[in-house]
């Protein structure tokens, strides 16, 4: 639901000029030397970080101890879906891996595996700041060449992996829509099971993990990180007749491809957009309303509930436009909406809900003061927040009573009462789940697509500071609040289920079809036919 960030800086500079003239000759002599030392220092600063640096077992174990202690002390959902004895087993397993020196990526791999066992989609491991800064300055020189669309069947054996894109454009065999059955001898099931062990999700949600692997470029990155790179990959696939075939493909080198394209594609000057145009494009990439006045249908593409996108005014203008153009069918696409501000998601709900609703049944943190607060981002500000906005109850937890008790009422002005279709998928997360939960079940609202990535019962989020480990600088996200959306629904570790399911097919991927939107248009057509 969002991470509060703030920065407080205070730099004072004092100068003593009483005896400047006395030391000017000496200063002129030392100036060239000082410049040389400064330049040398700058140069060594740029090259001082090495991604191959190894940390001793003692350093790794110190960081791991902080990591475990912080989670056990402050994570409000550590044992929500994983029993304490099982979590202890994974913690102990991780510690056993730290007997030899490791690089940062090797250490992160251990942390990522253990963190995924928490079954919390808001708890994940991140690079150290130094490593991220280094990666920003280094060109990617090799990439797994295939992007995949992967989805699950009724059993793991029926998991499907299809080529969504191939970076090797001259490859006419592994084109879009080709079913892949093995990579380097590992079956789809083996690959999926291996990669799933490193993906965080709410509860037992597999849809979110499948979608994460299907996000552009992610499969190749995680596959290479966990299983390593190969100069060539042995690919087993099904041809157009359903027969199993094999082919060997090379890894993709961006620099070689760029050089080749540059030699054959003429350079043309493209007019640069103005600052105002760039800003509008950025906003349109996140929230956009399209209206078909002839068919009285509107489509809202909503990629985030985050702050900084002026969503309050966008919603106000949008629903005013729906009323003005007498829109009868309204489509809201939140398939790529990872969440953001609860204020924004609640605001949208109020334009659609036909009843008063709460954001949560319970919302609380389990700890305010923490042993390792010095490693936790904005810990002082977060404690202030808890002091002023939460109250410690008889259970010992710090409850955010406003959201536990307050009912939000539907908006009267420009409220939409027509048919609403909400497109969902594995990337629909966090505050997006709150929005869907608040309106699902209404006669005029239909949820279409796949299970949401965010848990239907609840999640752990709200304030999500980074924790920076002292030795390696590796960071992990720590949600501070546990939120139960609706205590009366089963706590089964699943997301919000669609009322009309629309799952991918091989043919839809091959054609590049938007199968979920196609399903909605089919529903709208049937609804109009019934009214005629």
Protein backbone atom coordinates (compact mmCIF):
# COMPACT_ATOMS: atom_id res chain seq x y z
CA UNK A 1 0.00 0.00 0.00
CA UNK A 2 2.94 2.23 -0.11
CA UNK A 3 6.18 3.07 1.59
CA UNK A 4 6.50 6.40 3.38
CA UNK A 5 9.78 8.07 2.58
CA UNK A 6 11.28 11.26 3.84
CA UNK A 7 14.74 12.73 4.12
CA UNK A 8 16.14 15.05 6.77
CA UNK A 9 19.48 16.71 6.04
CA UNK A 10 21.46 19.30 7.98
CA UNK A 11 24.93 20.36 6.80
CA UNK A 12 26.88 23.17 8.46
CA UNK A 13 30.07 24.65 7.05
CA UNK A 14 32.44 26.85 9.19
CA UNK A 15 35.36 28.87 7.80
CA UNK A 16 38.21 30.54 9.64
CA UNK A 17 39.77 33.36 7.60
CA UNK A 18 41.89 35.02 10.29
CA UNK A 19 45.29 34.00 8.91
CA UNK A 20 44.65 33.37 5.21
CA UNK A 21 47.38 35.72 3.98
CA UNK A 22 49.95 34.05 6.22
CA UNK A 23 49.42 30.66 4.62
CA UNK A 24 48.79 31.65 0.98
CA UNK A 25 52.32 30.84 -0.28
CA UNK A 26 52.20 27.39 1.29
CA UNK A 27 48.71 26.86 -0.11
CA UNK A 28 49.86 27.68 -3.65
CA UNK A 29 52.63 25.08 -3.29
CA UNK A 30 50.31 22.39 -2.00
CA UNK A 31 47.44 23.09 -4.43
CA UNK A 32 48.74 20.92 -7.31
CA UNK A 33 49.42 18.05 -4.91
CA UNK A 34 45.97 18.38 -3.37
CA UNK A 35 44.32 18.34 -6.80
CA UNK A 36 46.17 15.17 -7.75
CA UNK A 37 45.13 13.51 -4.51
CA UNK A 38 41.53 14.63 -5.00
CA UNK A 39 41.38 13.25 -8.54
CA UNK A 40 42.96 10.01 -7.42
CA UNK A 41 40.42 9.78 -4.61
CA UNK A 42 37.51 10.38 -7.00
CA UNK A 43 38.82 7.74 -9.35
CA UNK A 44 39.24 5.19 -6.60
CA UNK A 45 35.73 6.02 -5.32
CA UNK A 46 34.22 5.19 -8.68
CA UNK A 47 36.03 1.88 -8.92
CA UNK A 48 36.08 0.94 -5.22
CA UNK A 49 32.94 -1.20 -5.38
CA UNK A 50 33.30 -4.65 -6.85
CA UNK A 51 30.33 -6.98 -7.40
CA UNK A 52 32.74 -9.87 -6.86
CA UNK A 53 33.71 -8.77 -3.36
CA UNK A 54 33.34 -11.62 -0.88
CA UNK A 55 32.12 -11.27 2.67
CA UNK A 56 33.43 -13.50 5.43
CA UNK A 57 31.19 -16.06 7.15
CA UNK A 58 31.32 -13.90 10.28
CA UNK A 59 30.02 -10.86 8.39
CA UNK A 60 27.28 -12.87 6.70
CA UNK A 61 26.19 -14.47 9.96
CA UNK A 62 26.03 -11.07 11.66
CA UNK A 63 23.77 -9.74 8.90
CA UNK A 64 21.69 -12.89 8.95
CA UNK A 65 21.21 -12.59 12.70
CA UNK A 66 19.95 -9.00 12.28
CA UNK A 67 17.68 -10.12 9.41
CA UNK A 68 16.10 -12.90 11.47
CA UNK A 69 15.79 -10.87 14.67
CA UNK A 70 14.07 -7.97 12.88
CA UNK A 71 11.54 -10.26 11.21
CA UNK A 72 10.79 -12.14 14.42
CA UNK A 73 10.42 -8.93 16.40
CA UNK A 74 8.48 -6.68 14.04
CA UNK A 75 6.93 -8.56 11.09
CA UNK A 76 3.17 -8.75 11.82
CA UNK A 77 2.50 -11.72 9.54
CA UNK A 78 5.59 -13.87 9.97
CA UNK A 79 3.58 -16.91 11.05
CA UNK A 80 0.33 -16.02 9.31
CA UNK A 81 0.66 -18.65 6.58
CA UNK A 82 3.82 -20.46 7.68
CA UNK A 83 3.76 -22.10 11.14
CA UNK A 84 6.49 -21.05 13.56
CA UNK A 85 8.22 -24.43 13.58
CA UNK A 86 8.35 -24.44 9.75
CA UNK A 87 9.66 -20.86 9.66
CA UNK A 88 12.32 -21.76 12.21
CA UNK A 89 13.36 -24.64 9.97
CA UNK A 90 13.86 -22.26 7.02
CA UNK A 91 15.69 -19.73 9.19
CA UNK A 92 18.03 -22.48 10.41
CA UNK A 93 18.51 -23.74 6.84
CA UNK A 94 19.58 -20.27 5.74
CA UNK A 95 22.11 -19.98 8.54
CA UNK A 96 23.64 -23.34 7.57
CA UNK A 97 24.41 -21.96 4.09
CA UNK A 98 26.74 -19.28 5.49
CA UNK A 99 29.81 -21.40 6.26
CA UNK A 100 31.96 -19.99 3.44
CA UNK A 101 32.59 -16.52 2.06
CA UNK A 102 29.98 -15.19 -0.35
CA UNK A 103 29.45 -12.34 -2.78
CA UNK A 104 26.43 -10.11 -2.31
CA UNK A 105 24.36 -11.87 -5.02
CA UNK A 106 25.11 -15.25 -3.43
CA UNK A 107 24.05 -13.97 -0.01
CA UNK A 108 20.91 -12.38 -1.46
CA UNK A 109 19.96 -15.69 -3.03
CA UNK A 110 19.90 -17.31 0.41
CA UNK A 111 17.88 -14.44 1.89
CA UNK A 112 15.46 -14.45 -1.04
CA UNK A 113 14.77 -18.17 -0.63
CA UNK A 114 14.08 -17.83 3.12
CA UNK A 115 12.04 -14.64 2.68
CA UNK A 116 9.76 -16.32 0.14
CA UNK A 117 8.78 -18.83 2.85
CA UNK A 118 7.11 -16.05 4.85
CA UNK A 119 4.41 -16.00 2.15
CA UNK A 120 4.09 -12.22 2.28
CA UNK A 121 4.01 -10.34 -1.01
CA UNK A 122 5.26 -7.13 0.63
CA UNK A 123 8.38 -8.73 2.11
CA UNK A 124 11.23 -9.02 -0.37
CA UNK A 125 15.02 -8.70 -0.65
CA UNK A 126 16.76 -5.87 -2.52
CA UNK A 127 20.27 -5.03 -3.67
CA UNK A 128 22.50 -2.92 -1.48
CA UNK A 129 22.58 0.72 -2.57
CA UNK A 130 26.19 0.29 -3.69
CA UNK A 131 25.31 -2.72 -5.82
CA UNK A 132 22.31 -0.94 -7.38
CA UNK A 133 24.44 2.11 -8.15
CA UNK A 134 27.04 -0.12 -9.76
CA UNK A 135 24.41 -1.88 -11.89
CA UNK A 136 23.11 1.49 -13.09
CA UNK A 137 26.52 2.23 -14.62
CA UNK A 138 27.12 -1.18 -16.21
CA UNK A 139 25.67 -2.22 -19.55
CA UNK A 140 23.89 -5.57 -19.57
CA UNK A 141 26.08 -7.73 -21.76
CA UNK A 142 24.14 -11.01 -21.88
CA UNK A 143 20.48 -11.93 -21.58
CA UNK A 144 18.43 -15.11 -21.69
CA UNK A 145 16.81 -14.60 -25.12
CA UNK A 146 13.21 -15.68 -24.47
CA UNK A 147 10.37 -13.94 -22.65
CA UNK A 148 7.72 -16.39 -21.48
CA UNK A 149 4.03 -16.41 -20.71
CA UNK A 150 3.43 -19.08 -18.08
CA UNK A 151 0.20 -20.18 -16.47
CA UNK A 152 -0.98 -23.05 -14.34
CA UNK A 153 -3.36 -25.88 -15.00
CA UNK A 154 -5.43 -27.84 -12.53
CA UNK A 155 -2.27 -29.73 -11.61
CA UNK A 156 1.40 -28.78 -11.75
CA UNK A 157 1.91 -31.22 -14.63
CA UNK A 158 -0.39 -29.06 -16.74
CA UNK A 159 1.60 -25.84 -16.31
CA UNK A 160 2.07 -24.18 -19.70
CA UNK A 161 5.09 -22.16 -20.86
CA UNK A 162 4.82 -20.27 -24.15
CA UNK A 163 7.20 -17.94 -25.95
CA UNK A 164 5.93 -14.37 -25.64
CA UNK A 165 8.94 -12.73 -27.32
CA UNK A 166 12.30 -13.75 -28.77
CA UNK A 167 15.20 -11.30 -28.72
CA UNK A 168 16.89 -13.21 -31.52
CA UNK A 169 14.71 -11.75 -34.28
CA UNK A 170 16.16 -14.02 -36.97
CA UNK A 171 14.92 -17.11 -35.11
CA UNK A 172 11.93 -18.35 -37.12
CA UNK A 173 11.46 -21.51 -35.02
CA UNK A 174 10.81 -20.20 -31.51
CA UNK A 175 8.31 -17.56 -32.54
CA UNK A 176 5.55 -16.06 -30.40
CA UNK A 177 3.12 -18.73 -29.23
CA UNK A 178 5.53 -21.68 -29.37
CA UNK A 179 5.05 -24.09 -26.46
CA UNK A 180 8.28 -24.82 -24.58
CA UNK A 181 8.46 -28.13 -22.72
CA UNK A 182 12.09 -28.21 -21.56
CA UNK A 183 15.08 -25.91 -21.12
CA UNK A 184 18.49 -27.52 -20.66
CA UNK A 185 16.82 -30.81 -19.79
CA UNK A 186 14.49 -29.39 -17.11
CA UNK A 187 10.75 -29.69 -17.65
CA UNK A 188 8.35 -26.79 -17.29
CA UNK A 189 7.23 -28.17 -13.95
CA UNK A 190 10.80 -28.45 -12.65
CA UNK A 191 11.66 -24.92 -13.76
CA UNK A 192 8.47 -23.42 -12.32
CA UNK A 193 8.87 -25.22 -8.99
CA UNK A 194 12.49 -24.06 -8.70
CA UNK A 195 11.77 -20.41 -9.49
CA UNK A 196 8.63 -20.30 -7.34
CA UNK A 197 10.84 -21.01 -4.31
CA UNK A 198 12.34 -17.53 -4.71
CA UNK A 199 9.14 -15.53 -5.28
CA UNK A 200 7.25 -13.78 -2.48
CA UNK A 201 3.48 -13.77 -2.60
CA UNK A 202 0.47 -13.31 -0.33
CA UNK A 203 -0.36 -16.67 1.19
CA UNK A 204 -0.40 -19.57 -1.25
CA UNK A 205 -1.21 -17.52 -4.32
CA UNK A 206 0.26 -19.18 -7.45
CA UNK A 207 -1.41 -16.80 -9.90
CA UNK A 208 0.79 -13.93 -8.74
CA UNK A 209 3.92 -16.05 -9.14
CA UNK A 210 2.94 -17.13 -12.65
CA UNK A 211 2.25 -13.53 -13.60
CA UNK A 212 5.54 -12.35 -12.11
CA UNK A 213 7.44 -14.87 -14.24
CA UNK A 214 5.43 -13.68 -17.25
CA UNK A 215 6.24 -10.00 -16.74
CA UNK A 216 8.52 -8.68 -19.47
CA UNK A 217 12.09 -9.89 -19.05
CA UNK A 218 11.56 -11.27 -15.54
CA UNK A 219 11.66 -14.97 -16.40
CA UNK A 220 15.06 -14.69 -18.06
CA UNK A 221 16.49 -12.61 -15.22
CA UNK A 222 15.34 -14.96 -12.47
CA UNK A 223 16.19 -18.09 -14.47
CA UNK A 224 19.74 -16.84 -14.99
CA UNK A 225 20.08 -15.69 -11.37
CA UNK A 226 18.98 -19.04 -9.93
CA UNK A 227 20.07 -21.56 -12.57
CA UNK A 228 22.96 -19.65 -14.16
CA UNK A 229 23.85 -18.61 -17.70
CA UNK A 230 24.66 -20.90 -20.62
CA UNK A 231 26.48 -20.08 -23.83
CA UNK A 232 23.73 -22.04 -25.57
CA UNK A 233 20.37 -23.37 -24.40
CA UNK A 234 18.88 -26.73 -25.36
CA UNK A 235 15.20 -25.98 -25.98
CA UNK A 236 12.54 -28.67 -26.36
CA UNK A 237 9.32 -27.40 -27.94
CA UNK A 238 6.16 -28.48 -29.76
CA UNK A 239 5.91 -27.77 -33.47
CA UNK A 240 2.73 -26.78 -35.31
CA UNK A 241 1.71 -30.46 -35.46
CA UNK A 242 2.19 -30.98 -31.75
CA UNK A 243 5.37 -33.01 -32.26
CA UNK A 244 8.26 -32.64 -29.83
CA UNK A 245 11.31 -31.01 -31.41
CA UNK A 246 14.66 -29.77 -30.12
CA UNK A 247 16.80 -26.79 -30.99
CA UNK A 248 19.90 -25.15 -29.57
CA UNK A 249 19.86 -21.36 -29.28
CA UNK A 250 22.62 -18.93 -28.23
CA UNK A 251 22.46 -16.47 -25.39
CA UNK A 252 21.62 -12.93 -26.50
CA UNK A 253 24.31 -10.23 -26.56
CA UNK A 254 22.70 -6.75 -26.70
CA UNK A 255 25.91 -4.98 -27.70
CA UNK A 256 26.36 -7.12 -30.81
CA UNK A 257 22.74 -6.68 -31.85
CA UNK A 258 22.88 -2.92 -31.26
CA UNK A 259 26.01 -2.61 -33.36
CA UNK A 260 24.41 -4.60 -36.19
CA UNK A 261 21.24 -2.54 -36.16
CA UNK A 262 23.17 0.72 -36.03
CA UNK A 263 25.02 -0.22 -39.21
CA UNK A 264 21.83 -0.81 -41.20
CA UNK A 265 19.35 1.63 -39.70
CA UNK A 266 19.86 5.28 -40.65
CA UNK A 267 19.98 7.81 -37.84
CA UNK A 268 17.02 10.17 -37.88
CA UNK A 269 16.34 13.13 -35.65
CA UNK A 270 13.17 12.71 -33.63
CA UNK A 271 11.55 15.87 -32.26
CA UNK A 272 11.78 15.85 -28.48
CA UNK A 273 8.53 16.34 -26.56
CA UNK A 274 8.18 19.39 -24.36
CA UNK A 275 8.29 19.14 -20.58
CA UNK A 276 4.52 19.48 -20.46
CA UNK A 277 4.10 16.70 -23.04
CA UNK A 278 6.47 14.40 -21.13
CA UNK A 279 4.52 14.98 -17.94
CA UNK A 280 1.22 14.21 -19.66
CA UNK A 281 2.64 11.06 -21.23
CA UNK A 282 3.80 9.90 -17.81
CA UNK A 283 0.35 10.46 -16.36
CA UNK A 284 -1.37 8.80 -19.32
CA UNK A 285 0.83 5.74 -18.93
CA UNK A 286 -0.65 5.26 -15.45
CA UNK A 287 -4.22 6.53 -15.73
CA UNK A 288 -6.23 7.12 -18.88
CA UNK A 289 -9.93 7.31 -19.69
CA UNK A 290 -11.30 6.52 -23.16
CA UNK A 291 -14.94 7.05 -24.04
CA UNK A 292 -16.86 5.53 -26.93
CA UNK A 293 -19.78 7.95 -27.12
CA UNK A 294 -21.50 6.05 -29.94
CA UNK A 295 -21.75 2.83 -27.90
CA UNK A 296 -22.00 4.56 -24.50
CA UNK A 297 -19.00 2.59 -23.25
CA UNK A 298 -15.94 3.82 -21.35
CA UNK A 299 -12.58 2.25 -20.57
CA UNK A 300 -10.31 3.32 -17.68
CA UNK A 301 -6.74 2.06 -17.70
CA UNK A 302 -5.52 2.40 -14.12
CA UNK A 303 -1.96 1.21 -13.51
CA UNK A 304 -1.44 2.49 -9.97
CA UNK A 305 -3.06 3.97 -6.88
CA UNK A 306 0.21 5.67 -6.04
CA UNK A 307 0.59 9.27 -5.01
CA UNK A 308 1.91 11.76 -7.52
CA UNK A 309 -0.56 10.91 -10.31
CA UNK A 310 -3.29 13.41 -9.34
CA UNK A 311 -5.82 10.60 -9.09
CA UNK A 312 -8.35 12.53 -7.02
CA UNK A 313 -8.89 15.10 -9.77
CA UNK A 314 -8.62 12.40 -12.44
CA UNK A 315 -11.44 10.40 -10.84
CA UNK A 316 -13.56 13.53 -10.43
CA UNK A 317 -13.19 14.49 -14.10
CA UNK A 318 -13.68 10.91 -15.27
CA UNK A 319 -16.97 10.27 -13.46
CA UNK A 320 -18.24 13.69 -14.50
CA UNK A 321 -17.53 12.66 -18.10
CA UNK A 322 -19.31 9.31 -17.63
CA UNK A 323 -22.43 11.11 -16.51
CA UNK A 324 -22.19 13.73 -19.25
CA UNK A 325 -21.98 11.12 -22.02
CA UNK A 326 -24.60 8.83 -20.48
CA UNK A 327 -22.22 5.87 -20.24
CA UNK A 328 -23.94 2.57 -19.56
CA UNK A 329 -20.98 0.18 -19.55
CA UNK A 330 -17.73 1.01 -17.76
CA UNK A 331 -14.52 -1.09 -17.90
CA UNK A 332 -11.78 -0.57 -15.29
CA UNK A 333 -8.48 -2.28 -16.04
CA UNK A 334 -6.42 -2.91 -12.88
CA UNK A 335 -4.48 -5.92 -14.18
CA UNK A 336 -1.19 -4.07 -13.82
CA UNK A 337 -2.09 -2.11 -10.69
CA UNK A 338 0.31 -3.03 -7.90
CA UNK A 339 -1.39 -0.79 -5.34
CA UNK A 340 -0.40 2.46 -3.70
CA UNK A 341 -2.38 4.90 -1.58
CA UNK A 342 -5.42 3.55 0.27
CA UNK A 343 -6.89 7.05 0.09
CA UNK A 344 -6.89 6.80 -3.71
CA UNK A 345 -8.31 3.28 -3.87
CA UNK A 346 -11.03 4.21 -1.37
CA UNK A 347 -11.89 7.31 -3.38
CA UNK A 348 -12.50 5.20 -6.50
CA UNK A 349 -14.60 2.73 -4.50
CA UNK A 350 -16.88 5.53 -3.33
CA UNK A 351 -17.81 6.39 -6.93
CA UNK A 352 -18.92 2.79 -7.55
CA UNK A 353 -20.06 1.27 -4.26
CA UNK A 354 -23.78 1.17 -3.56
CA UNK A 355 -23.26 0.66 0.18
CA UNK A 356 -21.08 1.97 2.97
CA UNK A 357 -17.91 -0.04 3.52
CA UNK A 358 -14.82 -0.38 5.71
CA UNK A 359 -11.23 -0.69 4.52
CA UNK A 360 -10.44 -3.31 7.15
CA UNK A 361 -11.79 -5.30 10.06
CA UNK A 362 -8.44 -5.20 11.85
CA UNK A 363 -5.26 -3.21 11.21
CA UNK A 364 -2.39 -3.33 13.67
CA UNK A 365 1.38 -3.38 14.23
CA UNK A 366 2.97 -5.77 16.71
CA UNK A 367 5.92 -3.60 17.78
CA UNK A 368 6.71 0.10 18.06
CA UNK A 369 10.21 0.21 19.54
CA UNK A 370 12.67 -2.18 17.92
CA UNK A 371 16.05 -3.57 18.93
CA UNK A 372 17.65 -2.79 15.57
CA UNK A 373 15.87 0.49 14.89
CA UNK A 374 19.11 2.05 13.63
CA UNK A 375 18.97 -0.19 10.57
CA UNK A 376 15.30 0.50 9.80
CA UNK A 377 14.44 3.30 7.39
CA UNK A 378 12.42 6.17 8.91
CA UNK A 379 12.00 4.27 12.16
CA UNK A 380 11.64 7.45 14.23
CA UNK A 381 8.94 8.83 11.93
CA UNK A 382 7.14 5.49 11.85
CA UNK A 383 7.14 5.40 15.66
CA UNK A 384 5.71 8.91 15.70
CA UNK A 385 3.00 7.74 13.34
CA UNK A 386 2.13 4.86 15.66
CA UNK A 387 2.15 7.17 18.69
CA UNK A 388 -0.39 9.57 17.19
CA UNK A 389 -2.55 7.27 15.04
CA UNK A 390 -2.61 3.92 16.81
CA UNK A 391 -3.60 2.72 20.26
CA UNK A 392 -2.27 -0.26 22.14
CA UNK A 393 -5.13 -2.64 22.88
CA UNK A 394 -5.61 -5.51 25.32
CA UNK A 395 -3.94 -7.92 22.89
CA UNK A 396 -0.71 -5.90 23.15
CA UNK A 397 -0.82 -4.73 19.51
CA UNK A 398 -0.96 -1.19 18.15
CA UNK A 399 -4.32 -0.86 16.39
CA UNK A 400 -5.13 1.74 13.75
CA UNK A 401 -8.66 2.24 15.06
CA UNK A 402 -9.80 4.74 12.42
CA UNK A 403 -9.69 2.20 9.60
CA UNK A 404 -11.02 -0.56 11.86
CA UNK A 405 -14.13 1.43 12.77
CA UNK A 406 -14.78 3.99 10.04
CA UNK A 407 -17.34 3.32 7.31
CA UNK A 408 -16.93 5.14 4.00
CA UNK A 409 -20.10 6.26 2.27
CA UNK A 410 -20.75 6.24 -1.50
CA UNK A 411 -20.36 9.57 -3.27
CA UNK A 412 -23.60 11.25 -4.29
CA UNK A 413 -22.18 13.55 -6.96
CA UNK A 414 -21.47 11.76 -10.28
CA UNK A 415 -21.84 8.31 -8.71
CA UNK A 416 -21.79 5.61 -11.41
CA UNK A 417 -24.67 3.12 -11.34
CA UNK A 418 -24.25 1.49 -14.75
CA UNK A 419 -22.64 -1.84 -15.54
CA UNK A 420 -19.03 -1.99 -14.33
CA UNK A 421 -16.47 -4.59 -15.37
CA UNK A 422 -13.20 -4.85 -13.46
CA UNK A 423 -10.29 -6.58 -15.23
CA UNK A 424 -8.00 -8.38 -12.77
CA UNK A 425 -4.91 -10.54 -12.81
CA UNK A 426 -1.86 -11.68 -10.89
CA UNK A 427 -0.37 -8.16 -10.85
CA UNK A 428 -3.49 -6.73 -9.14
CA UNK A 429 -2.03 -6.21 -5.70
CA UNK A 430 -2.25 -4.50 -2.31
CA UNK A 431 -4.59 -1.46 -2.39
CA UNK A 432 -6.07 -2.78 -5.64
CA UNK A 433 -7.35 -5.78 -3.71
CA UNK A 434 -9.04 -3.42 -1.23
CA UNK A 435 -10.77 -1.62 -4.09
CA UNK A 436 -12.04 -4.83 -5.71
CA UNK A 437 -13.18 -6.26 -2.37
CA UNK A 438 -15.22 -3.14 -1.61
CA UNK A 439 -17.42 -3.41 -4.73
CA UNK A 440 -17.37 -7.11 -5.65
CA UNK A 441 -20.75 -8.73 -5.23
CA UNK A 442 -22.83 -5.78 -6.40
CA UNK A 443 -25.41 -6.63 -9.06
CA UNK A 444 -23.93 -4.07 -11.45
CA UNK A 445 -20.25 -5.04 -10.91
CA UNK A 446 -18.54 -8.00 -12.56
CA UNK A 447 -14.93 -9.01 -11.87
CA UNK A 448 -13.39 -10.55 -15.00
CA UNK A 449 -10.02 -12.23 -15.51
CA UNK A 450 -7.88 -14.12 -13.03
CA UNK A 451 -7.33 -14.26 -9.29
CA UNK A 452 -5.73 -11.13 -7.87
CA UNK A 453 -2.15 -11.26 -6.65
CA UNK A 454 -3.13 -9.55 -3.40
CA UNK A 455 -4.69 -11.72 -0.69
CA UNK A 456 -8.47 -11.66 -0.38
CA UNK A 457 -8.38 -12.18 3.39
CA UNK A 458 -5.76 -9.52 4.00
CA UNK A 459 -2.09 -8.63 3.77
CA UNK A 460 0.79 -7.10 5.68
CA UNK A 461 1.67 -3.63 4.44
CA UNK A 462 0.75 0.02 5.09
CA UNK A 463 4.17 1.29 6.26
CA UNK A 464 6.98 -0.61 4.51
CA UNK A 465 10.46 0.65 5.41
CA UNK A 466 13.67 -0.83 4.08
CA UNK A 467 15.97 -2.58 6.55
CA UNK A 468 19.65 -2.24 5.64
CA UNK A 469 21.95 -4.98 6.93
CA UNK A 470 25.10 -3.50 8.49
CA UNK A 471 27.87 -5.60 6.88
CA UNK A 472 26.74 -6.20 3.29
CA UNK A 473 24.28 -3.31 2.91
CA UNK A 474 21.68 -5.73 1.50
CA UNK A 475 18.17 -4.44 2.09
CA UNK A 476 14.81 -6.09 2.68
CA UNK A 477 11.32 -4.64 2.89
CA UNK A 478 9.58 -4.84 6.26
CA UNK A 479 5.80 -4.26 6.34
CA UNK A 480 4.81 -2.99 9.78
CA UNK A 481 1.02 -3.47 9.79
CA UNK A 482 -1.20 -6.51 9.44
CA UNK A 483 -4.51 -5.85 7.69
CA UNK A 484 -7.52 -8.15 7.65
CA UNK A 485 -9.95 -6.97 4.98
CA UNK A 486 -12.85 -9.20 5.91
CA UNK A 487 -12.61 -11.60 8.85
CA UNK A 488 -15.68 -13.52 7.67
CA UNK A 489 -14.12 -14.91 4.48
CA UNK A 490 -11.83 -17.98 4.54
CA UNK A 491 -8.16 -17.39 5.30
CA UNK A 492 -7.10 -19.78 2.55
CA UNK A 493 -4.14 -17.84 1.20
CA UNK A 494 -5.80 -17.02 -2.13
CA UNK A 495 -6.55 -13.77 -3.91
CA UNK A 496 -9.92 -12.27 -4.87
CA UNK A 497 -11.49 -14.67 -7.33
CA UNK A 498 -13.05 -13.43 -10.60
CA UNK A 499 -16.75 -13.92 -11.19
CA UNK A 500 -16.04 -14.55 -14.88
CA UNK A 501 -12.74 -16.32 -15.47
CA UNK A 502 -10.65 -15.44 -18.52
CA UNK A 503 -7.36 -17.34 -18.65
CA UNK A 504 -4.71 -17.30 -21.36
CA UNK A 505 -4.62 -19.78 -24.21
CA UNK A 506 -1.81 -20.68 -26.57
CA UNK A 507 -3.75 -19.29 -29.52
CA UNK A 508 -4.44 -15.99 -27.73
CA UNK A 509 -0.73 -15.57 -26.98
CA UNK A 510 0.19 -16.47 -30.56
CA UNK A 511 -2.18 -13.83 -31.93
CA UNK A 512 -1.34 -11.23 -29.30
CA UNK A 513 -5.02 -11.08 -28.35
CA UNK A 514 -6.29 -9.33 -25.22
CA UNK A 515 -8.39 -12.29 -24.12
CA UNK A 516 -9.66 -10.64 -20.93
CA UNK A 517 -10.86 -7.50 -22.66
CA UNK A 518 -12.37 -9.67 -25.40
CA UNK A 519 -14.36 -11.51 -22.72
CA UNK A 520 -15.67 -8.21 -21.33
CA UNK A 521 -16.74 -6.99 -24.77
CA UNK A 522 -18.56 -10.28 -25.23
CA UNK A 523 -20.39 -9.72 -21.91
CA UNK A 524 -21.30 -6.16 -22.90
CA UNK A 525 -22.64 -7.34 -26.25
CA UNK A 526 -24.84 -9.95 -24.54
CA UNK A 527 -26.10 -7.38 -22.05
CA UNK A 528 -27.10 -5.00 -24.85
CA UNK A 529 -28.82 -7.81 -26.76
CA UNK A 530 -30.91 -8.67 -23.69
CA UNK A 531 -32.10 -5.09 -23.41
CA UNK A 532 -33.13 -4.82 -27.07
